[in-house]
């Protein structure tokens, strides 16, 4: 080589290892993404022919073999909205307390471990809990209210954990400068720290609500019905919902068209993706205003 400089074999080896690792990560990413894309494309291909205005806006008829899924769409919206009303304020408040106010001691660590464990409990356990507490003990009956409270308890661990983590990621210098200018702890948290953590907090909220929108077991025990001739009139009425509707027409309705089954799945998929898209737009705007 020029000037008698010889290549360093250690650097060459490190470069090769980095290249191999990069291609390995790309391969793993491809292996992970392709099955998901395949499932989505398959659902679209199988379900798209059944999508129509009547399918979206009409009531089911003829043993759910004809008509539409409007009551299930409305019921899913009610359940998701009710879950958000109960779980989002409580989850964010608990996350703020754990990140900004709770002392670092044995009890706080135990609470965090309990929250993590609650996030991994199967949804059917939450359904049985909701049945025993909200439906029977509190006498709410099989209702939207009982289902929303059950789904809220199920989503709280996710919202609490992600909120706490998002707040902890905000640099400490933000807090130090705010407190040095005379702001109280609460003013610093509410006006400085929380706005900077909005993208992470919103991610946890959407993850929790998406899980709530797609769950069957909790609402199966607490508030959904096989078929209702009208939309629910109050929170103490039962409702239809897309996840349970999919379960019923796939397992309990003989002669059900496959297109209708996949069309209902496609509508639920669009419902969840719509929530994600809306949240992504809000996150993008929040990140654009973030100062770190």
Protein backbone atom coordinates (compact mmCIF):
# COMPACT_ATOMS: atom_id res chain seq x y z
CA UNK A 1 0.00 0.00 0.00
CA UNK A 2 0.96 3.71 -0.26
CA UNK A 3 3.55 5.00 2.21
CA UNK A 4 4.08 1.47 3.42
CA UNK A 5 0.91 1.53 5.58
CA UNK A 6 -0.53 -1.94 6.06
CA UNK A 7 -4.22 -2.57 6.79
CA UNK A 8 -5.03 -3.37 10.38
CA UNK A 9 -6.41 -6.94 10.48
CA UNK A 10 -8.30 -6.16 13.71
CA UNK A 11 -10.15 -3.26 12.06
CA UNK A 12 -10.94 -5.38 9.00
CA UNK A 13 -12.30 -8.16 11.21
CA UNK A 14 -14.42 -5.70 13.18
CA UNK A 15 -15.81 -4.21 9.97
CA UNK A 16 -16.74 -7.66 8.68
CA UNK A 17 -18.44 -8.53 11.97
CA UNK A 18 -20.42 -5.30 11.82
CA UNK A 19 -21.49 -6.03 8.25
CA UNK A 20 -22.57 -9.56 9.13
CA UNK A 21 -24.47 -8.32 12.19
CA UNK A 22 -26.23 -5.66 10.11
CA UNK A 23 -27.37 -8.14 7.49
CA UNK A 24 -28.44 -10.57 10.21
CA UNK A 25 -30.60 -7.86 11.81
CA UNK A 26 -32.10 -7.05 8.42
CA UNK A 27 -32.91 -10.72 7.88
CA UNK A 28 -34.54 -11.03 11.31
CA UNK A 29 -36.58 -7.89 10.67
CA UNK A 30 -37.72 -9.28 7.32
CA UNK A 31 -38.65 -12.62 8.88
CA UNK A 32 -40.67 -10.77 11.52
CA UNK A 33 -42.45 -8.33 9.20
CA UNK A 34 -43.31 -10.63 6.31
CA UNK A 35 -45.73 -12.93 8.22
CA UNK A 36 -47.56 -9.87 9.59
CA UNK A 37 -47.88 -8.36 6.12
CA UNK A 38 -49.01 -11.74 4.77
CA UNK A 39 -51.78 -11.97 7.38
CA UNK A 40 -52.97 -8.42 6.69
CA UNK A 41 -52.96 -8.95 2.91
CA UNK A 42 -54.79 -12.26 3.29
CA UNK A 43 -57.51 -10.64 5.42
CA UNK A 44 -57.89 -7.79 2.91
CA UNK A 45 -58.15 -10.16 -0.06
CA UNK A 46 -60.69 -12.43 1.67
CA UNK A 47 -62.73 -9.69 3.33
CA UNK A 48 -62.75 -6.81 0.85
CA UNK A 49 -65.50 -8.31 -1.42
CA UNK A 50 -68.02 -8.19 1.45
CA UNK A 51 -67.37 -4.54 2.36
CA UNK A 52 -70.24 -2.31 1.30
CA UNK A 53 -72.34 0.53 2.67
CA UNK A 54 -75.05 -1.90 3.75
CA UNK A 55 -72.51 -4.16 5.44
CA UNK A 56 -71.23 -1.22 7.49
CA UNK A 57 -74.52 0.49 8.36
CA UNK A 58 -77.19 -2.25 8.49
CA UNK A 59 -78.29 -4.55 11.28
CA UNK A 60 -77.60 -8.28 10.92
CA UNK A 61 -80.51 -10.46 9.84
CA UNK A 62 -81.32 -14.02 8.90
CA UNK A 63 -79.33 -15.47 11.77
CA UNK A 64 -76.44 -13.03 11.08
CA UNK A 65 -75.92 -14.55 7.62
CA UNK A 66 -77.08 -11.35 5.92
CA UNK A 67 -77.23 -7.65 6.61
CA UNK A 68 -74.49 -5.67 8.29
CA UNK A 69 -72.50 -5.21 11.47
CA UNK A 70 -73.46 -1.68 12.52
CA UNK A 71 -74.45 -2.63 16.13
CA UNK A 72 -71.09 -4.38 16.60
CA UNK A 73 -69.19 -1.34 15.31
CA UNK A 74 -71.09 1.03 17.59
CA UNK A 75 -70.66 -1.31 20.55
CA UNK A 76 -66.91 -1.56 19.99
CA UNK A 77 -66.70 2.24 19.86
CA UNK A 78 -68.68 2.55 23.11
CA UNK A 79 -66.48 0.00 24.87
CA UNK A 80 -63.26 1.62 23.69
CA UNK A 81 -64.46 5.10 24.63
CA UNK A 82 -65.65 3.94 28.05
CA UNK A 83 -62.37 2.17 28.68
CA UNK A 84 -60.49 5.37 27.82
CA UNK A 85 -62.66 7.43 30.18
CA UNK A 86 -61.85 5.19 33.13
CA UNK A 87 -58.31 4.00 32.43
CA UNK A 88 -56.50 6.94 30.81
CA UNK A 89 -56.83 9.52 33.64
CA UNK A 90 -56.12 6.94 36.34
CA UNK A 91 -53.23 5.35 34.46
CA UNK A 92 -51.52 8.66 33.66
CA UNK A 93 -52.02 9.91 37.21
CA UNK A 94 -50.53 6.74 38.67
CA UNK A 95 -47.59 6.92 36.24
CA UNK A 96 -46.95 10.55 37.23
CA UNK A 97 -46.96 9.65 40.91
CA UNK A 98 -44.56 6.73 40.46
CA UNK A 99 -42.17 8.73 38.27
CA UNK A 100 -42.21 12.10 40.02
CA UNK A 101 -43.41 11.70 43.61
CA UNK A 102 -43.08 8.14 44.90
CA UNK A 103 -40.03 7.54 47.12
CA UNK A 104 -37.55 4.91 46.02
CA UNK A 105 -38.09 2.20 48.60
CA UNK A 106 -39.12 -1.42 48.92
CA UNK A 107 -42.85 -0.71 48.66
CA UNK A 108 -42.50 1.29 45.47
CA UNK A 109 -40.46 -1.48 43.91
CA UNK A 110 -43.11 -4.02 44.92
CA UNK A 111 -45.80 -1.87 43.34
CA UNK A 112 -43.87 -1.69 40.08
CA UNK A 113 -43.37 -5.47 40.07
CA UNK A 114 -47.09 -5.95 40.72
CA UNK A 115 -47.99 -3.66 37.82
CA UNK A 116 -45.69 -5.58 35.47
CA UNK A 117 -47.21 -8.88 36.60
CA UNK A 118 -50.75 -7.56 36.13
CA UNK A 119 -49.91 -6.67 32.53
CA UNK A 120 -49.17 -10.35 31.84
CA UNK A 121 -52.33 -11.84 33.34
CA UNK A 122 -54.53 -13.60 30.72
CA UNK A 123 -57.57 -11.60 29.68
CA UNK A 124 -59.95 -14.40 30.68
CA UNK A 125 -58.90 -13.85 34.32
CA UNK A 126 -59.91 -10.21 34.05
CA UNK A 127 -63.20 -11.35 32.56
CA UNK A 128 -63.93 -13.63 35.51
CA UNK A 129 -62.93 -10.84 37.91
CA UNK A 130 -65.30 -8.43 36.16
CA UNK A 131 -68.08 -11.02 36.30
CA UNK A 132 -67.66 -11.51 40.03
CA UNK A 133 -67.17 -7.87 41.03
CA UNK A 134 -69.03 -5.65 38.57
CA UNK A 135 -71.75 -7.94 37.22
CA UNK A 136 -72.68 -9.83 40.40
CA UNK A 137 -71.34 -8.03 43.48
CA UNK A 138 -72.00 -4.43 42.37
CA UNK A 139 -75.09 -5.57 40.46
CA UNK A 140 -74.30 -3.73 37.25
CA UNK A 141 -75.48 -6.76 35.29
CA UNK A 142 -74.17 -7.62 31.84
CA UNK A 143 -73.73 -4.06 30.67
CA UNK A 144 -71.48 -1.62 28.88
CA UNK A 145 -70.44 -0.20 32.24
CA UNK A 146 -69.31 -3.58 33.59
CA UNK A 147 -67.35 -4.30 30.40
CA UNK A 148 -65.69 -0.88 30.37
CA UNK A 149 -64.61 -1.19 34.00
CA UNK A 150 -63.21 -4.67 33.35
CA UNK A 151 -61.32 -3.53 30.26
CA UNK A 152 -60.05 -0.48 32.17
CA UNK A 153 -58.49 -2.65 34.87
CA UNK A 154 -56.89 -4.79 32.15
CA UNK A 155 -55.36 -1.78 30.34
CA UNK A 156 -54.21 0.16 33.42
CA UNK A 157 -50.86 -1.69 33.87
CA UNK A 158 -49.80 -0.88 30.30
CA UNK A 159 -50.72 2.80 30.60
CA UNK A 160 -49.08 3.17 34.02
CA UNK A 161 -45.81 1.52 32.96
CA UNK A 162 -45.43 3.42 29.70
CA UNK A 163 -46.36 6.74 31.32
CA UNK A 164 -43.77 6.27 34.05
CA UNK A 165 -41.10 5.30 31.54
CA UNK A 166 -41.92 8.24 29.26
CA UNK A 167 -41.67 10.70 32.15
CA UNK A 168 -38.35 9.25 33.30
CA UNK A 169 -36.90 9.75 29.82
CA UNK A 170 -37.35 13.53 30.04
CA UNK A 171 -33.91 15.00 30.92
CA UNK A 172 -33.48 16.04 34.55
CA UNK A 173 -32.19 19.44 33.41
CA UNK A 174 -35.75 20.41 32.48
CA UNK A 175 -36.83 19.89 36.07
CA UNK A 176 -33.76 21.63 37.51
CA UNK A 177 -34.21 24.76 35.40
CA UNK A 178 -37.93 24.96 36.14
CA UNK A 179 -37.45 24.57 39.89
CA UNK A 180 -34.61 27.11 39.89
CA UNK A 181 -36.98 29.67 38.37
CA UNK A 182 -39.38 29.25 41.26
CA UNK A 183 -41.87 26.74 39.87
CA UNK A 184 -43.38 24.22 42.26
CA UNK A 185 -42.96 20.49 41.82
CA UNK A 186 -46.48 20.16 40.44
CA UNK A 187 -46.07 23.11 38.07
CA UNK A 188 -42.85 21.59 36.76
CA UNK A 189 -44.47 18.21 36.25
CA UNK A 190 -47.66 19.53 34.65
CA UNK A 191 -46.25 22.30 32.44
CA UNK A 192 -42.74 21.10 31.64
CA UNK A 193 -42.24 17.36 32.09
CA UNK A 194 -45.61 15.97 31.00
CA UNK A 195 -45.81 17.89 27.68
CA UNK A 196 -42.34 16.61 26.77
CA UNK A 197 -43.43 13.04 27.56
CA UNK A 198 -46.66 13.15 25.52
CA UNK A 199 -45.40 10.92 22.64
CA UNK A 200 -44.44 8.11 25.01
CA UNK A 201 -47.58 8.49 27.12
CA UNK A 202 -49.75 8.41 24.03
CA UNK A 203 -48.03 5.24 22.85
CA UNK A 204 -49.00 3.48 26.07
CA UNK A 205 -52.57 4.74 25.88
CA UNK A 206 -53.02 3.50 22.32
CA UNK A 207 -51.46 0.12 23.10
CA UNK A 208 -53.87 -0.31 25.99
CA UNK A 209 -56.94 0.81 24.07
CA UNK A 210 -56.06 -1.31 21.05
CA UNK A 211 -55.86 -4.35 23.27
CA UNK A 212 -59.21 -3.43 24.82
CA UNK A 213 -60.81 -3.01 21.38
CA UNK A 214 -59.69 -6.47 20.27
CA UNK A 215 -60.36 -8.54 23.40
CA UNK A 216 -63.16 -11.11 23.57
CA UNK A 217 -62.90 -12.89 26.94
CA UNK A 218 -63.42 -9.87 29.27
CA UNK A 219 -66.50 -8.63 27.44
CA UNK A 220 -67.84 -12.15 26.93
CA UNK A 221 -68.43 -12.44 30.69
CA UNK A 222 -69.49 -8.89 31.42
CA UNK A 223 -71.45 -7.09 28.76
CA UNK A 224 -71.83 -8.33 25.19
CA UNK A 225 -74.71 -10.16 23.59
CA UNK A 226 -75.04 -12.55 20.65
CA UNK A 227 -77.59 -10.34 18.89
CA UNK A 228 -79.51 -7.19 19.82
CA UNK A 229 -82.38 -5.75 17.75
CA UNK A 230 -81.45 -2.17 18.66
CA UNK A 231 -78.51 -0.09 19.79
CA UNK A 232 -77.88 0.24 23.54
CA UNK A 233 -79.69 3.15 25.17
CA UNK A 234 -77.66 3.46 28.39
CA UNK A 235 -74.47 2.23 30.03
CA UNK A 236 -76.49 -0.42 31.85
CA UNK A 237 -77.55 -2.09 28.59
CA UNK A 238 -75.70 -4.94 26.94
CA UNK A 239 -74.13 -4.37 23.55
CA UNK A 240 -72.70 -6.14 20.56
CA UNK A 241 -68.98 -5.88 19.78
CA UNK A 242 -66.78 -6.77 16.83
CA UNK A 243 -64.44 -9.26 18.61
CA UNK A 244 -67.32 -11.27 20.08
CA UNK A 245 -69.28 -10.97 16.83
CA UNK A 246 -66.33 -12.49 14.95
CA UNK A 247 -66.12 -15.30 17.50
CA UNK A 248 -69.83 -16.07 17.20
CA UNK A 249 -70.12 -16.06 13.41
CA UNK A 250 -66.94 -18.13 13.11
CA UNK A 251 -67.91 -20.84 15.61
CA UNK A 252 -71.66 -20.83 16.27
CA UNK A 253 -73.44 -19.88 13.04
CA UNK A 254 -73.65 -22.75 10.54
CA UNK A 255 -73.50 -21.85 6.88
CA UNK A 256 -71.85 -18.50 7.53
CA UNK A 257 -70.13 -17.02 4.48
CA UNK A 258 -66.36 -16.86 4.77
CA UNK A 259 -66.42 -13.44 3.13
CA UNK A 260 -68.63 -12.07 5.91
CA UNK A 261 -66.29 -13.49 8.55
CA UNK A 262 -63.22 -11.94 7.00
CA UNK A 263 -65.10 -8.74 6.20
CA UNK A 264 -65.88 -8.34 9.90
CA UNK A 265 -62.24 -9.01 10.77
CA UNK A 266 -61.22 -6.41 8.20
CA UNK A 267 -63.51 -3.80 9.75
CA UNK A 268 -62.00 -4.48 13.19
CA UNK A 269 -58.53 -4.23 11.68
CA UNK A 270 -59.36 -0.85 10.13
CA UNK A 271 -60.86 0.29 13.46
CA UNK A 272 -57.64 -0.49 15.31
CA UNK A 273 -55.42 0.90 12.54
CA UNK A 274 -57.51 4.07 12.49
CA UNK A 275 -56.84 4.56 16.20
CA UNK A 276 -53.15 3.98 15.57
CA UNK A 277 -53.06 6.44 12.67
CA UNK A 278 -54.74 9.15 14.72
CA UNK A 279 -52.33 8.57 17.58
CA UNK A 280 -49.37 8.63 15.19
CA UNK A 281 -50.41 12.05 13.86
CA UNK A 282 -50.66 13.40 17.40
CA UNK A 283 -47.27 11.87 18.29
CA UNK A 284 -45.64 13.44 15.25
CA UNK A 285 -46.91 16.88 16.21
CA UNK A 286 -45.85 16.38 19.82
CA UNK A 287 -42.35 15.24 18.81
CA UNK A 288 -42.01 18.26 16.54
CA UNK A 289 -42.59 20.53 19.56
CA UNK A 290 -40.35 18.51 21.86
CA UNK A 291 -37.23 20.34 22.93
CA UNK A 292 -34.80 17.43 23.29
